[in-house]
């Protein structure tokens, strides 16, 4: 179960990149011969200097929509536990000694993929945007503690503003996230 606390939310962990690389290799190994995928590190742990919950967010995009069921089955065989499957994505959880991993399996062309990558890259490149996001996270933690839905909702306006700025900087057109 996800819990936001000052200790967890406000302390960046410098080892997330190494943890992602190990998880990326596990995913690629599990899906070898099943389908081609792109594996990306997203979420707060993918942005140096931004504190995040102790979970690694891994974005997995399959090459063809028709391969999603086989990918889900192969990842389950590799120890990933299915939490949620929707029409556009399958979210699988895996808990390891190093902490939980959240895999978000998407079909190609999903706007959520572009938004997550654009947001991540913008915050990596823009120190002011990072500071604003961190401030919003801290305020959300202070106000909403362990209530994940309220915490996420409290950041919505800032995330939307930053995503709009990222699109403008990238020359992308606005899409709903």
C-alpha atoms as a PDB file:
ATOM      1  CA  UNK A   1       0.000   0.000   0.000  1.00  0.00           C
ATOM      2  CA  UNK A   2       1.256   3.453  -0.933  1.00  0.00           C
ATOM      3  CA  UNK A   3       1.821   5.861   1.922  1.00  0.00           C
ATOM      4  CA  UNK A   4       3.077   9.413   1.638  1.00  0.00           C
ATOM      5  CA  UNK A   5       5.155  10.644   4.525  1.00  0.00           C
ATOM      6  CA  UNK A   6       7.679  13.420   4.968  1.00  0.00           C
ATOM      7  CA  UNK A   7      10.473  10.860   5.309  1.00  0.00           C
ATOM      8  CA  UNK A   8       9.546   9.035   2.113  1.00  0.00           C
ATOM      9  CA  UNK A   9       8.277  11.844  -0.055  1.00  0.00           C
ATOM     10  CA  UNK A  10      10.860  14.492   0.662  1.00  0.00           C
ATOM     11  CA  UNK A  11      14.150  12.605   0.440  1.00  0.00           C
ATOM     12  CA  UNK A  12      15.501  12.034  -3.072  1.00  0.00           C
ATOM     13  CA  UNK A  13      17.225   8.671  -3.533  1.00  0.00           C
ATOM     14  CA  UNK A  14      20.314   8.846  -5.771  1.00  0.00           C
ATOM     15  CA  UNK A  15      20.273   5.128  -6.661  1.00  0.00           C
ATOM     16  CA  UNK A  16      17.059   5.115  -8.727  1.00  0.00           C
ATOM     17  CA  UNK A  17      18.927   5.132 -12.052  1.00  0.00           C
ATOM     18  CA  UNK A  18      20.778   1.921 -11.159  1.00  0.00           C
ATOM     19  CA  UNK A  19      17.568   0.328  -9.921  1.00  0.00           C
ATOM     20  CA  UNK A  20      15.837   1.268 -13.169  1.00  0.00           C
ATOM     21  CA  UNK A  21      18.625  -0.271 -15.288  1.00  0.00           C
ATOM     22  CA  UNK A  22      18.323  -3.564 -13.400  1.00  0.00           C
ATOM     23  CA  UNK A  23      14.538  -3.534 -13.761  1.00  0.00           C
ATOM     24  CA  UNK A  24      14.812  -2.646 -17.456  1.00  0.00           C
ATOM     25  CA  UNK A  25      16.985  -5.720 -17.990  1.00  0.00           C
ATOM     26  CA  UNK A  26      14.456  -7.901 -16.124  1.00  0.00           C
ATOM     27  CA  UNK A  27      11.624  -6.620 -18.316  1.00  0.00           C
ATOM     28  CA  UNK A  28      13.577  -7.063 -21.547  1.00  0.00           C
ATOM     29  CA  UNK A  29      14.596 -10.567 -20.523  1.00  0.00           C
ATOM     30  CA  UNK A  30      11.002 -11.515 -19.628  1.00  0.00           C
ATOM     31  CA  UNK A  31       9.704 -10.205 -22.963  1.00  0.00           C
ATOM     32  CA  UNK A  32      12.510 -11.543 -25.146  1.00  0.00           C
ATOM     33  CA  UNK A  33      10.888 -13.461 -27.982  1.00  0.00           C
ATOM     34  CA  UNK A  34       7.404 -12.288 -26.957  1.00  0.00           C
ATOM     35  CA  UNK A  35       7.330  -8.747 -28.296  1.00  0.00           C
ATOM     36  CA  UNK A  36       9.459  -5.687 -28.879  1.00  0.00           C
ATOM     37  CA  UNK A  37       9.163  -2.953 -26.284  1.00  0.00           C
ATOM     38  CA  UNK A  38      10.524   0.405 -25.290  1.00  0.00           C
ATOM     39  CA  UNK A  39      11.295   0.676 -21.574  1.00  0.00           C
ATOM     40  CA  UNK A  40      11.579   4.108 -19.917  1.00  0.00           C
ATOM     41  CA  UNK A  41      12.098   5.381 -16.399  1.00  0.00           C
ATOM     42  CA  UNK A  42       9.339   7.857 -15.469  1.00  0.00           C
ATOM     43  CA  UNK A  43       7.902   9.458 -12.365  1.00  0.00           C
ATOM     44  CA  UNK A  44       9.701  11.467  -9.720  1.00  0.00           C
ATOM     45  CA  UNK A  45      12.503   8.942  -9.299  1.00  0.00           C
ATOM     46  CA  UNK A  46      13.470   9.571 -12.947  1.00  0.00           C
ATOM     47  CA  UNK A  47      14.189  13.252 -12.263  1.00  0.00           C
ATOM     48  CA  UNK A  48      17.400  13.955 -10.334  1.00  0.00           C
ATOM     49  CA  UNK A  49      16.781  16.145  -7.318  1.00  0.00           C
ATOM     50  CA  UNK A  50      13.047  15.484  -7.169  1.00  0.00           C
ATOM     51  CA  UNK A  51      11.930  13.459  -4.159  1.00  0.00           C
ATOM     52  CA  UNK A  52       9.591  10.561  -4.764  1.00  0.00           C
ATOM     53  CA  UNK A  53       7.771   7.742  -3.098  1.00  0.00           C
ATOM     54  CA  UNK A  54       9.876   4.600  -2.696  1.00  0.00           C
ATOM     55  CA  UNK A  55       8.637   2.972  -5.894  1.00  0.00           C
ATOM     56  CA  UNK A  56      10.210   2.772  -9.306  1.00  0.00           C
ATOM     57  CA  UNK A  57       7.876   3.756 -12.169  1.00  0.00           C
ATOM     58  CA  UNK A  58       8.716   1.913 -15.367  1.00  0.00           C
ATOM     59  CA  UNK A  59       6.920   2.720 -18.601  1.00  0.00           C
ATOM     60  CA  UNK A  60       6.768  -0.209 -21.029  1.00  0.00           C
ATOM     61  CA  UNK A  61       5.402   0.358 -24.538  1.00  0.00           C
ATOM     62  CA  UNK A  62       4.783  -2.711 -26.682  1.00  0.00           C
ATOM     63  CA  UNK A  63       5.402  -2.584 -30.424  1.00  0.00           C
ATOM     64  CA  UNK A  64       1.965  -3.880 -31.437  1.00  0.00           C
ATOM     65  CA  UNK A  65      -1.353  -3.669 -29.563  1.00  0.00           C
ATOM     66  CA  UNK A  66      -2.023  -7.322 -30.285  1.00  0.00           C
ATOM     67  CA  UNK A  67       1.005  -8.360 -28.205  1.00  0.00           C
ATOM     68  CA  UNK A  68      -0.304  -6.928 -24.922  1.00  0.00           C
ATOM     69  CA  UNK A  69      -1.905 -10.182 -23.657  1.00  0.00           C
ATOM     70  CA  UNK A  70       1.287 -12.144 -24.343  1.00  0.00           C
ATOM     71  CA  UNK A  71       3.387  -9.446 -22.679  1.00  0.00           C
ATOM     72  CA  UNK A  72       1.153  -9.466 -19.583  1.00  0.00           C
ATOM     73  CA  UNK A  73       1.417 -13.274 -19.372  1.00  0.00           C
ATOM     74  CA  UNK A  74       5.213 -13.238 -19.807  1.00  0.00           C
ATOM     75  CA  UNK A  75       5.630 -10.575 -17.126  1.00  0.00           C
ATOM     76  CA  UNK A  76       3.358 -12.547 -14.771  1.00  0.00           C
ATOM     77  CA  UNK A  77       5.550 -15.616 -15.386  1.00  0.00           C
ATOM     78  CA  UNK A  78       8.557 -13.455 -14.475  1.00  0.00           C
ATOM     79  CA  UNK A  79       7.026 -12.593 -11.096  1.00  0.00           C
ATOM     80  CA  UNK A  80       5.129  -9.399 -11.795  1.00  0.00           C
ATOM     81  CA  UNK A  81       1.780  -9.351 -10.075  1.00  0.00           C
ATOM     82  CA  UNK A  82      -1.133  -7.942 -12.062  1.00  0.00           C
ATOM     83  CA  UNK A  83      -2.888  -5.138 -10.249  1.00  0.00           C
ATOM     84  CA  UNK A  84      -5.022  -3.540 -12.909  1.00  0.00           C
ATOM     85  CA  UNK A  85      -5.772  -3.986 -16.575  1.00  0.00           C
ATOM     86  CA  UNK A  86      -7.648  -1.366 -18.573  1.00  0.00           C
ATOM     87  CA  UNK A  87      -8.345  -1.038 -22.267  1.00  0.00           C
ATOM     88  CA  UNK A  88      -5.281   1.145 -22.804  1.00  0.00           C
ATOM     89  CA  UNK A  89      -2.802  -0.142 -20.227  1.00  0.00           C
ATOM     90  CA  UNK A  90      -1.939  -2.940 -17.862  1.00  0.00           C
ATOM     91  CA  UNK A  91      -0.362  -1.975 -14.564  1.00  0.00           C
ATOM     92  CA  UNK A  92       1.679  -4.681 -12.911  1.00  0.00           C
ATOM     93  CA  UNK A  93       3.346  -4.531  -9.491  1.00  0.00           C
ATOM     94  CA  UNK A  94       6.421  -6.341  -8.322  1.00  0.00           C
ATOM     95  CA  UNK A  95       7.948  -6.056  -4.882  1.00  0.00           C
ATOM     96  CA  UNK A  96      11.667  -6.674  -4.571  1.00  0.00           C
ATOM     97  CA  UNK A  97      14.217  -6.351  -1.794  1.00  0.00           C
ATOM     98  CA  UNK A  98      15.064  -2.932  -3.209  1.00  0.00           C
ATOM     99  CA  UNK A  99      11.441  -1.767  -3.012  1.00  0.00           C
ATOM    100  CA  UNK A 100       8.312  -1.869  -5.137  1.00  0.00           C
ATOM    101  CA  UNK A 101       8.335  -1.529  -8.887  1.00  0.00           C
ATOM    102  CA  UNK A 102       5.342  -0.302 -10.845  1.00  0.00           C
ATOM    103  CA  UNK A 103       5.246  -1.306 -14.493  1.00  0.00           C
ATOM    104  CA  UNK A 104       2.803   0.523 -16.725  1.00  0.00           C
ATOM    105  CA  UNK A 105       2.334  -1.438 -19.914  1.00  0.00           C
ATOM    106  CA  UNK A 106       0.972   0.688 -22.764  1.00  0.00           C
ATOM    107  CA  UNK A 107      -0.063   0.166 -26.343  1.00  0.00           C
ATOM    108  CA  UNK A 108       1.700   2.291 -28.987  1.00  0.00           C
ATOM    109  CA  UNK A 109       0.240   5.741 -29.620  1.00  0.00           C
ATOM    110  CA  UNK A 110      -1.091   6.248 -26.076  1.00  0.00           C
ATOM    111  CA  UNK A 111      -1.019  10.003 -25.274  1.00  0.00           C
ATOM    112  CA  UNK A 112      -0.180   9.185 -21.649  1.00  0.00           C
ATOM    113  CA  UNK A 113       3.189   7.875 -22.789  1.00  0.00           C
ATOM    114  CA  UNK A 114       4.108  11.086 -24.598  1.00  0.00           C
ATOM    115  CA  UNK A 115       2.902  13.200 -21.662  1.00  0.00           C
ATOM    116  CA  UNK A 116       4.931  11.271 -19.094  1.00  0.00           C
ATOM    117  CA  UNK A 117       8.110  11.424 -21.150  1.00  0.00           C
ATOM    118  CA  UNK A 118       7.650  15.101 -22.021  1.00  0.00           C
ATOM    119  CA  UNK A 119       6.994  16.009 -18.371  1.00  0.00           C
ATOM    120  CA  UNK A 120      10.025  14.012 -17.193  1.00  0.00           C
ATOM    121  CA  UNK A 121      12.340  15.554 -19.777  1.00  0.00           C
ATOM    122  CA  UNK A 122      11.120  19.094 -19.098  1.00  0.00           C
ATOM    123  CA  UNK A 123      11.729  18.758 -15.363  1.00  0.00           C
ATOM    124  CA  UNK A 124      15.147  17.225 -15.993  1.00  0.00           C
ATOM    125  CA  UNK A 125      16.093  20.264 -18.108  1.00  0.00           C
ATOM    126  CA  UNK A 126      14.444  23.144 -16.237  1.00  0.00           C
ATOM    127  CA  UNK A 127      15.576  23.915 -12.670  1.00  0.00           C
ATOM    128  CA  UNK A 128      12.721  26.371 -12.053  1.00  0.00           C
ATOM    129  CA  UNK A 129      10.132  23.812 -13.165  1.00  0.00           C
ATOM    130  CA  UNK A 130      11.706  21.237 -10.829  1.00  0.00           C
ATOM    131  CA  UNK A 131      11.572  23.658  -7.889  1.00  0.00           C
ATOM    132  CA  UNK A 132       7.894  24.425  -8.553  1.00  0.00           C
ATOM    133  CA  UNK A 133       7.060  20.727  -8.769  1.00  0.00           C
ATOM    134  CA  UNK A 134       8.958  19.913  -5.573  1.00  0.00           C
ATOM    135  CA  UNK A 135       7.193  22.772  -3.773  1.00  0.00           C
ATOM    136  CA  UNK A 136       3.813  21.440  -4.948  1.00  0.00           C
ATOM    137  CA  UNK A 137       4.725  17.939  -3.752  1.00  0.00           C
ATOM    138  CA  UNK A 138       5.819  19.210  -0.335  1.00  0.00           C
ATOM    139  CA  UNK A 139       2.653  21.252   0.079  1.00  0.00           C
ATOM    140  CA  UNK A 140       0.531  18.273  -0.963  1.00  0.00           C
ATOM    141  CA  UNK A 141       2.302  16.020   1.550  1.00  0.00           C
ATOM    142  CA  UNK A 142       1.899  18.588   4.318  1.00  0.00           C
ATOM    143  CA  UNK A 143      -1.792  19.003   3.594  1.00  0.00           C
ATOM    144  CA  UNK A 144      -2.823  15.446   2.707  1.00  0.00           C
ATOM    145  CA  UNK A 145      -0.319  13.084   4.341  1.00  0.00           C
ATOM    146  CA  UNK A 146      -1.088   9.470   3.428  1.00  0.00           C
ATOM    147  CA  UNK A 147      -4.199  10.139   1.328  1.00  0.00           C
ATOM    148  CA  UNK A 148      -2.912   9.280  -2.160  1.00  0.00           C
ATOM    149  CA  UNK A 149      -5.937  10.570  -4.076  1.00  0.00           C
ATOM    150  CA  UNK A 150      -5.941  13.910  -2.266  1.00  0.00           C
ATOM    151  CA  UNK A 151      -2.147  14.178  -2.610  1.00  0.00           C
ATOM    152  CA  UNK A 152      -2.364  13.591  -6.363  1.00  0.00           C
ATOM    153  CA  UNK A 153      -5.292  15.996  -6.777  1.00  0.00           C
ATOM    154  CA  UNK A 154      -3.401  18.709  -4.876  1.00  0.00           C
ATOM    155  CA  UNK A 155      -0.616  18.572  -7.489  1.00  0.00           C
ATOM    156  CA  UNK A 156      -2.916  18.522 -10.526  1.00  0.00           C
ATOM    157  CA  UNK A 157      -2.878  22.244 -11.333  1.00  0.00           C
ATOM    158  CA  UNK A 158       0.912  22.548 -11.112  1.00  0.00           C
ATOM    159  CA  UNK A 159       1.434  19.375 -13.140  1.00  0.00           C
ATOM    160  CA  UNK A 160      -0.965  20.702 -15.817  1.00  0.00           C
ATOM    161  CA  UNK A 161       0.835  24.054 -15.943  1.00  0.00           C
ATOM    162  CA  UNK A 162       4.233  22.383 -16.202  1.00  0.00           C
ATOM    163  CA  UNK A 163       3.018  20.013 -18.906  1.00  0.00           C
ATOM    164  CA  UNK A 164       1.637  22.974 -20.886  1.00  0.00           C
ATOM    165  CA  UNK A 165       5.017  24.705 -20.536  1.00  0.00           C
ATOM    166  CA  UNK A 166       6.783  21.528 -21.633  1.00  0.00           C
ATOM    167  CA  UNK A 167       4.578  21.291 -24.720  1.00  0.00           C
ATOM    168  CA  UNK A 168       5.222  24.946 -25.573  1.00  0.00           C
ATOM    169  CA  UNK A 169       8.976  24.473 -25.147  1.00  0.00           C
ATOM    170  CA  UNK A 170       8.833  21.306 -27.256  1.00  0.00           C
ATOM    171  CA  UNK A 171       6.515  22.743 -29.886  1.00  0.00           C
ATOM    172  CA  UNK A 172       3.892  20.085 -29.122  1.00  0.00           C
ATOM    173  CA  UNK A 173       0.195  20.714 -29.333  1.00  0.00           C
ATOM    174  CA  UNK A 174      -1.883  20.445 -26.167  1.00  0.00           C
ATOM    175  CA  UNK A 175      -3.444  17.034 -25.564  1.00  0.00           C
ATOM    176  CA  UNK A 176      -5.408  15.941 -22.565  1.00  0.00           C
ATOM    177  CA  UNK A 177      -3.410  13.823 -20.174  1.00  0.00           C
END
